[in-house]
């Protein structure tokens, strides 16, 4: 069995689910992660992300991606249950407007958000210059593997310094 990336697209936004799955798998394959691990990518509207951002981070605004690592530690998981890494919540309209503003394709922008969010699920953060350098280096390697120019990152990060959470 290999990684299971459950993409939930209830609003039926136009997106390439296989590319989102590949983006997350590319991150997971670079780390010592159980190959049976699962995570969810939820693509939703700005209002839902706005409410989650307010509830979990105290930020009264929508954002592009929120990362919610699973609470269960590996030793708390039943033997027959695959490890659950957590959830990524993406605001499609927000991400779409960000991609248009920055001149990037929507597929590349969504893949970046999934890569970035998956790294957060694995414990990476960009809260200090050292952590940011480490996270950005791995992120650039994964983006390169996916054929995405890593120059997409600074433009999005500069436009939105407060894009995700480590709840």
C-alpha atoms as a PDB file:
ATOM      1  CA  UNK A   1       0.000   0.000   0.000  1.00  0.00           C
ATOM      2  CA  UNK A   2       1.164   3.548  -0.687  1.00  0.00           C
ATOM      3  CA  UNK A   3       0.192   6.917   0.734  1.00  0.00           C
ATOM      4  CA  UNK A   4      -3.494   7.823   0.651  1.00  0.00           C
ATOM      5  CA  UNK A   5      -4.224  11.479  -0.067  1.00  0.00           C
ATOM      6  CA  UNK A   6      -7.954  12.109   0.199  1.00  0.00           C
ATOM      7  CA  UNK A   7      -8.914  15.195  -1.834  1.00  0.00           C
ATOM      8  CA  UNK A   8     -12.305  16.628  -0.880  1.00  0.00           C
ATOM      9  CA  UNK A   9     -13.650  19.085  -3.426  1.00  0.00           C
ATOM     10  CA  UNK A  10     -17.273  19.484  -2.393  1.00  0.00           C
ATOM     11  CA  UNK A  11     -17.778  22.697  -4.356  1.00  0.00           C
ATOM     12  CA  UNK A  12     -16.456  20.953  -7.476  1.00  0.00           C
ATOM     13  CA  UNK A  13     -13.791  23.554  -8.203  1.00  0.00           C
ATOM     14  CA  UNK A  14     -11.832  22.987 -11.402  1.00  0.00           C
ATOM     15  CA  UNK A  15      -8.643  21.360 -10.161  1.00  0.00           C
ATOM     16  CA  UNK A  16      -6.347  18.457 -10.898  1.00  0.00           C
ATOM     17  CA  UNK A  17      -6.799  16.119  -7.917  1.00  0.00           C
ATOM     18  CA  UNK A  18      -4.038  13.784  -9.119  1.00  0.00           C
ATOM     19  CA  UNK A  19      -1.583  16.695  -9.168  1.00  0.00           C
ATOM     20  CA  UNK A  20      -2.499  17.632  -5.584  1.00  0.00           C
ATOM     21  CA  UNK A  21      -2.002  14.030  -4.519  1.00  0.00           C
ATOM     22  CA  UNK A  22       1.352  13.895  -6.349  1.00  0.00           C
ATOM     23  CA  UNK A  23       2.467  17.115  -4.633  1.00  0.00           C
ATOM     24  CA  UNK A  24       1.785  15.688  -1.189  1.00  0.00           C
ATOM     25  CA  UNK A  25       3.292  12.300  -2.027  1.00  0.00           C
ATOM     26  CA  UNK A  26       6.459  14.010  -3.304  1.00  0.00           C
ATOM     27  CA  UNK A  27       6.902  15.541   0.167  1.00  0.00           C
ATOM     28  CA  UNK A  28       6.117  12.332   2.030  1.00  0.00           C
ATOM     29  CA  UNK A  29       8.531  10.260  -0.070  1.00  0.00           C
ATOM     30  CA  UNK A  30      11.416  12.548   0.967  1.00  0.00           C
ATOM     31  CA  UNK A  31      10.798  11.788   4.638  1.00  0.00           C
ATOM     32  CA  UNK A  32      10.727   8.725   6.843  1.00  0.00           C
ATOM     33  CA  UNK A  33       6.953   8.462   6.755  1.00  0.00           C
ATOM     34  CA  UNK A  34       5.029   5.194   6.969  1.00  0.00           C
ATOM     35  CA  UNK A  35       3.925   4.440   3.371  1.00  0.00           C
ATOM     36  CA  UNK A  36       0.452   3.621   4.647  1.00  0.00           C
ATOM     37  CA  UNK A  37       0.023   7.163   6.026  1.00  0.00           C
ATOM     38  CA  UNK A  38      -3.001   9.202   5.022  1.00  0.00           C
ATOM     39  CA  UNK A  39      -3.941  12.852   4.961  1.00  0.00           C
ATOM     40  CA  UNK A  40      -6.795  14.954   3.666  1.00  0.00           C
ATOM     41  CA  UNK A  41      -6.760  17.948   1.364  1.00  0.00           C
ATOM     42  CA  UNK A  42     -10.013  19.900   1.596  1.00  0.00           C
ATOM     43  CA  UNK A  43     -10.610  22.488  -1.111  1.00  0.00           C
ATOM     44  CA  UNK A  44     -13.294  24.891  -0.009  1.00  0.00           C
ATOM     45  CA  UNK A  45     -14.487  28.503  -0.103  1.00  0.00           C
ATOM     46  CA  UNK A  46     -13.026  31.636   1.472  1.00  0.00           C
ATOM     47  CA  UNK A  47     -15.760  31.860   4.110  1.00  0.00           C
ATOM     48  CA  UNK A  48     -14.998  28.408   5.530  1.00  0.00           C
ATOM     49  CA  UNK A  49     -11.262  29.126   5.714  1.00  0.00           C
ATOM     50  CA  UNK A  50     -11.971  32.566   7.196  1.00  0.00           C
ATOM     51  CA  UNK A  51     -13.984  30.969  10.014  1.00  0.00           C
ATOM     52  CA  UNK A  52     -11.319  28.304  10.668  1.00  0.00           C
ATOM     53  CA  UNK A  53      -8.599  30.955  10.668  1.00  0.00           C
ATOM     54  CA  UNK A  54     -10.556  33.014  13.202  1.00  0.00           C
ATOM     55  CA  UNK A  55     -11.429  30.018  15.378  1.00  0.00           C
ATOM     56  CA  UNK A  56      -7.969  28.413  15.477  1.00  0.00           C
ATOM     57  CA  UNK A  57      -5.596  31.324  15.011  1.00  0.00           C
ATOM     58  CA  UNK A  58      -7.574  34.400  16.019  1.00  0.00           C
ATOM     59  CA  UNK A  59      -7.031  35.890  12.548  1.00  0.00           C
ATOM     60  CA  UNK A  60     -10.223  37.498  11.227  1.00  0.00           C
ATOM     61  CA  UNK A  61      -9.491  36.993   7.516  1.00  0.00           C
ATOM     62  CA  UNK A  62      -9.360  34.280   4.902  1.00  0.00           C
ATOM     63  CA  UNK A  63      -6.003  32.833   3.839  1.00  0.00           C
ATOM     64  CA  UNK A  64      -4.711  30.428   1.220  1.00  0.00           C
ATOM     65  CA  UNK A  65      -3.964  27.269   3.231  1.00  0.00           C
ATOM     66  CA  UNK A  66      -4.333  26.057   6.792  1.00  0.00           C
ATOM     67  CA  UNK A  67      -2.547  22.969   8.116  1.00  0.00           C
ATOM     68  CA  UNK A  68      -3.969  20.924  10.961  1.00  0.00           C
ATOM     69  CA  UNK A  69      -1.628  18.108  12.043  1.00  0.00           C
ATOM     70  CA  UNK A  70      -3.348  15.061  13.527  1.00  0.00           C
ATOM     71  CA  UNK A  71      -3.528  15.000  17.307  1.00  0.00           C
ATOM     72  CA  UNK A  72      -2.902  11.267  17.657  1.00  0.00           C
ATOM     73  CA  UNK A  73       0.658  10.233  18.278  1.00  0.00           C
ATOM     74  CA  UNK A  74       1.862   7.119  16.436  1.00  0.00           C
ATOM     75  CA  UNK A  75       1.658   5.058  19.643  1.00  0.00           C
ATOM     76  CA  UNK A  76      -2.020   6.064  20.039  1.00  0.00           C
ATOM     77  CA  UNK A  77      -3.014   4.623  16.680  1.00  0.00           C
ATOM     78  CA  UNK A  78      -4.552   1.159  16.537  1.00  0.00           C
ATOM     79  CA  UNK A  79      -2.382  -1.456  14.845  1.00  0.00           C
ATOM     80  CA  UNK A  80      -4.826  -1.966  11.977  1.00  0.00           C
ATOM     81  CA  UNK A  81      -5.311   1.776  11.408  1.00  0.00           C
ATOM     82  CA  UNK A  82      -2.972   3.609   9.017  1.00  0.00           C
ATOM     83  CA  UNK A  83      -1.216   6.683  10.441  1.00  0.00           C
ATOM     84  CA  UNK A  84      -3.276   9.830   9.859  1.00  0.00           C
ATOM     85  CA  UNK A  85      -1.071  12.902   9.352  1.00  0.00           C
ATOM     86  CA  UNK A  86      -3.763  15.596   9.357  1.00  0.00           C
ATOM     87  CA  UNK A  87      -5.717  17.981   7.161  1.00  0.00           C
ATOM     88  CA  UNK A  88      -4.889  20.725   4.702  1.00  0.00           C
ATOM     89  CA  UNK A  89      -7.655  23.241   4.104  1.00  0.00           C
ATOM     90  CA  UNK A  90      -7.298  25.359   0.947  1.00  0.00           C
ATOM     91  CA  UNK A  91      -9.457  28.388   0.096  1.00  0.00           C
ATOM     92  CA  UNK A  92      -9.830  27.954  -3.669  1.00  0.00           C
ATOM     93  CA  UNK A  93     -11.115  31.471  -4.493  1.00  0.00           C
ATOM     94  CA  UNK A  94      -8.345  33.036  -2.382  1.00  0.00           C
ATOM     95  CA  UNK A  95      -5.695  30.849  -4.006  1.00  0.00           C
ATOM     96  CA  UNK A  96      -7.127  31.553  -7.459  1.00  0.00           C
ATOM     97  CA  UNK A  97      -6.983  35.300  -6.995  1.00  0.00           C
ATOM     98  CA  UNK A  98      -3.461  34.982  -5.579  1.00  0.00           C
ATOM     99  CA  UNK A  99      -2.347  32.930  -8.618  1.00  0.00           C
ATOM    100  CA  UNK A 100      -3.861  35.457 -11.034  1.00  0.00           C
ATOM    101  CA  UNK A 101      -2.268  38.384  -9.200  1.00  0.00           C
ATOM    102  CA  UNK A 102       1.156  36.715  -9.170  1.00  0.00           C
ATOM    103  CA  UNK A 103       0.925  35.396 -12.749  1.00  0.00           C
ATOM    104  CA  UNK A 104       1.207  31.700 -11.845  1.00  0.00           C
ATOM    105  CA  UNK A 105      -0.925  28.839 -13.083  1.00  0.00           C
ATOM    106  CA  UNK A 106      -3.622  27.667 -10.715  1.00  0.00           C
ATOM    107  CA  UNK A 107      -2.302  24.097 -10.803  1.00  0.00           C
ATOM    108  CA  UNK A 108       1.193  25.251  -9.782  1.00  0.00           C
ATOM    109  CA  UNK A 109      -0.194  27.474  -7.036  1.00  0.00           C
ATOM    110  CA  UNK A 110      -2.356  24.688  -5.619  1.00  0.00           C
ATOM    111  CA  UNK A 111       0.567  22.250  -5.770  1.00  0.00           C
ATOM    112  CA  UNK A 112       2.725  24.757  -3.873  1.00  0.00           C
ATOM    113  CA  UNK A 113       0.047  25.110  -1.187  1.00  0.00           C
ATOM    114  CA  UNK A 114      -0.173  21.329  -0.820  1.00  0.00           C
ATOM    115  CA  UNK A 115       3.631  20.973  -0.631  1.00  0.00           C
ATOM    116  CA  UNK A 116       3.840  23.795   1.913  1.00  0.00           C
ATOM    117  CA  UNK A 117       0.972  22.457   3.993  1.00  0.00           C
ATOM    118  CA  UNK A 118       2.270  18.877   3.928  1.00  0.00           C
ATOM    119  CA  UNK A 119       5.626  20.101   5.207  1.00  0.00           C
ATOM    120  CA  UNK A 120       3.782  21.733   8.111  1.00  0.00           C
ATOM    121  CA  UNK A 121       2.020  18.432   8.840  1.00  0.00           C
ATOM    122  CA  UNK A 122       5.474  16.861   9.121  1.00  0.00           C
ATOM    123  CA  UNK A 123       6.576  19.475  11.654  1.00  0.00           C
ATOM    124  CA  UNK A 124       8.319  22.068   9.485  1.00  0.00           C
ATOM    125  CA  UNK A 125       7.734  25.731  10.264  1.00  0.00           C
ATOM    126  CA  UNK A 126       9.002  29.130   9.163  1.00  0.00           C
ATOM    127  CA  UNK A 127       8.779  30.901  12.509  1.00  0.00           C
ATOM    128  CA  UNK A 128      12.528  31.639  12.707  1.00  0.00           C
ATOM    129  CA  UNK A 129      15.106  32.405  10.000  1.00  0.00           C
ATOM    130  CA  UNK A 130      16.749  28.998  10.582  1.00  0.00           C
ATOM    131  CA  UNK A 131      13.462  27.082  10.374  1.00  0.00           C
ATOM    132  CA  UNK A 132      12.405  29.066   7.330  1.00  0.00           C
ATOM    133  CA  UNK A 133      15.704  28.307   5.543  1.00  0.00           C
ATOM    134  CA  UNK A 134      15.301  24.590   6.267  1.00  0.00           C
ATOM    135  CA  UNK A 135      11.653  24.500   5.184  1.00  0.00           C
ATOM    136  CA  UNK A 136      12.269  26.578   2.051  1.00  0.00           C
ATOM    137  CA  UNK A 137      15.172  24.320   1.003  1.00  0.00           C
ATOM    138  CA  UNK A 138      13.050  21.163   1.184  1.00  0.00           C
ATOM    139  CA  UNK A 139      10.105  22.961  -0.412  1.00  0.00           C
ATOM    140  CA  UNK A 140      12.312  24.107  -3.330  1.00  0.00           C
ATOM    141  CA  UNK A 141      13.576  20.545  -3.864  1.00  0.00           C
ATOM    142  CA  UNK A 142      10.036  19.156  -3.970  1.00  0.00           C
ATOM    143  CA  UNK A 143       8.820  21.936  -6.272  1.00  0.00           C
ATOM    144  CA  UNK A 144      11.752  21.198  -8.581  1.00  0.00           C
ATOM    145  CA  UNK A 145      10.773  17.500  -8.586  1.00  0.00           C
ATOM    146  CA  UNK A 146       7.274  18.584  -9.627  1.00  0.00           C
ATOM    147  CA  UNK A 147       8.582  20.857 -12.391  1.00  0.00           C
ATOM    148  CA  UNK A 148       7.530  24.053 -10.607  1.00  0.00           C
ATOM    149  CA  UNK A 149       9.864  27.050 -10.497  1.00  0.00           C
ATOM    150  CA  UNK A 150      10.658  27.744  -6.843  1.00  0.00           C
ATOM    151  CA  UNK A 151      10.451  31.478  -7.602  1.00  0.00           C
ATOM    152  CA  UNK A 152       6.702  31.034  -7.110  1.00  0.00           C
ATOM    153  CA  UNK A 153       7.326  30.872  -3.334  1.00  0.00           C
ATOM    154  CA  UNK A 154       8.672  34.334  -2.437  1.00  0.00           C
ATOM    155  CA  UNK A 155       5.923  36.103  -4.365  1.00  0.00           C
ATOM    156  CA  UNK A 156       3.210  34.177  -2.554  1.00  0.00           C
ATOM    157  CA  UNK A 157       4.931  34.395   0.831  1.00  0.00           C
ATOM    158  CA  UNK A 158       5.522  38.137   0.528  1.00  0.00           C
ATOM    159  CA  UNK A 159       1.887  38.661  -0.439  1.00  0.00           C
ATOM    160  CA  UNK A 160       0.640  36.651   2.518  1.00  0.00           C
ATOM    161  CA  UNK A 161       2.970  36.277   5.489  1.00  0.00           C
ATOM    162  CA  UNK A 162       0.313  34.632   7.641  1.00  0.00           C
ATOM    163  CA  UNK A 163      -0.854  31.806   5.413  1.00  0.00           C
ATOM    164  CA  UNK A 164      -1.018  28.695   7.557  1.00  0.00           C
ATOM    165  CA  UNK A 165      -1.238  27.264  11.020  1.00  0.00           C
ATOM    166  CA  UNK A 166       0.381  24.528  13.023  1.00  0.00           C
ATOM    167  CA  UNK A 167      -2.654  23.732  15.134  1.00  0.00           C
END
